Protein backbone atom coordinates (compact mmCIF):
# COMPACT_ATOMS: atom_id res chain seq x y z
CA MET A 1 2.37 16.96 -19.44
CA GLN A 2 -0.03 15.32 -18.98
CA LYS A 3 -3.88 16.86 -18.39
CA GLY A 4 -7.10 14.80 -17.23
CA ILE A 5 -10.02 15.26 -14.57
CA ILE A 6 -11.36 12.81 -12.06
CA ASP A 7 -14.23 11.95 -13.10
CA ARG A 8 -15.21 8.80 -10.59
CA PHE A 9 -13.90 5.92 -7.87
CA GLU A 10 -14.54 2.39 -8.37
CA GLY A 11 -13.40 0.99 -5.08
CA GLU A 12 -9.13 1.39 -5.17
CA TYR A 13 -8.68 2.72 -8.62
CA ALA A 14 -9.91 6.52 -9.80
CA VAL A 15 -11.02 6.94 -13.34
CA ILE A 16 -9.60 9.55 -14.70
CA GLU A 17 -10.22 10.97 -19.02
CA PHE A 18 -7.77 11.82 -20.36
CA ASP A 19 -9.08 13.71 -23.94
CA GLY A 20 -12.38 12.48 -23.99
CA LYS A 21 -10.40 8.42 -23.33
CA ASN A 22 -11.18 6.80 -20.33
CA GLU A 23 -7.81 5.62 -17.90
CA ASP A 24 -8.09 3.31 -14.36
CA VAL A 25 -5.31 4.50 -12.51
CA LEU A 26 -4.35 3.99 -8.69
CA ARG A 27 -6.00 6.02 -5.80
CA SER A 28 -2.97 5.39 -3.82
CA GLU A 29 -1.06 7.80 -6.85
CA LEU A 30 -2.52 10.40 -6.42
CA PRO A 31 -3.02 13.23 -4.14
CA ALA A 32 -5.18 12.06 -0.78
CA GLU A 33 -6.68 15.17 -1.46
CA VAL A 34 -8.17 14.40 -4.90
CA LYS A 35 -12.22 13.77 -5.64
CA PRO A 36 -14.56 13.81 -8.94
CA GLY A 37 -14.05 16.47 -10.53
CA ASP A 38 -10.49 18.00 -10.28
CA THR A 39 -8.29 18.13 -12.53
CA LEU A 40 -4.83 16.01 -12.20
CA ILE A 41 -1.30 17.64 -13.41
CA PHE A 42 1.33 14.45 -14.40
CA GLU A 43 4.44 15.88 -15.13
CA GLU A 44 7.39 13.96 -14.60
CA GLY A 45 6.22 11.45 -13.09
CA LYS A 46 4.34 14.33 -10.19
CA VAL A 47 0.69 14.67 -10.56
CA MET A 48 -0.61 17.86 -8.90
CA ILE A 49 -4.10 19.25 -8.82
CA ASP A 50 -4.29 22.04 -10.25
CA THR A 51 -7.25 23.74 -9.01
CA GLU A 52 -7.04 27.18 -10.58
CA ALA A 53 -8.74 24.72 -13.24
CA THR A 54 -10.88 22.56 -11.55
CA SER A 55 -12.12 26.00 -9.92
CA SER A 56 -12.80 27.74 -13.97
CA ARG A 57 -14.54 24.49 -14.65
CA LYS A 58 -16.34 24.33 -12.17
CA LYS A 59 -17.81 27.44 -12.88
CA GLU A 60 -18.69 26.11 -15.91
CA ILE A 61 -19.90 23.15 -14.65
CA ASP A 62 -22.56 25.97 -12.20
CA SER A 63 -23.20 28.38 -15.51
CA LEU A 64 -24.83 26.15 -17.60
CA MET A 65 -27.35 24.96 -14.60
CA ASP A 66 -28.18 28.19 -13.73
CA ASP A 67 -29.18 28.63 -17.83
CA LEU A 68 -30.53 24.93 -18.03
CA PHE A 69 -32.20 25.17 -14.61
CA GLU A 70 -33.55 29.32 -15.24
CA GLN A 71 -37.19 29.89 -15.65
């Protein structure tokens, strides 16, 4: 099993970060509903969105942003 985070889309490719390194993956190989910031699980030829990890990561980022802009 390998996990990656979608950084962005560039044309027909998704740029996915795996352990600090970016790789281009064809969008057609990913679930149709993926979006930047989603955590993906790559396992045995399948790709799934890890909704729990995506949600947790979003909450952490939102908290950091709140702390940064708190006055």
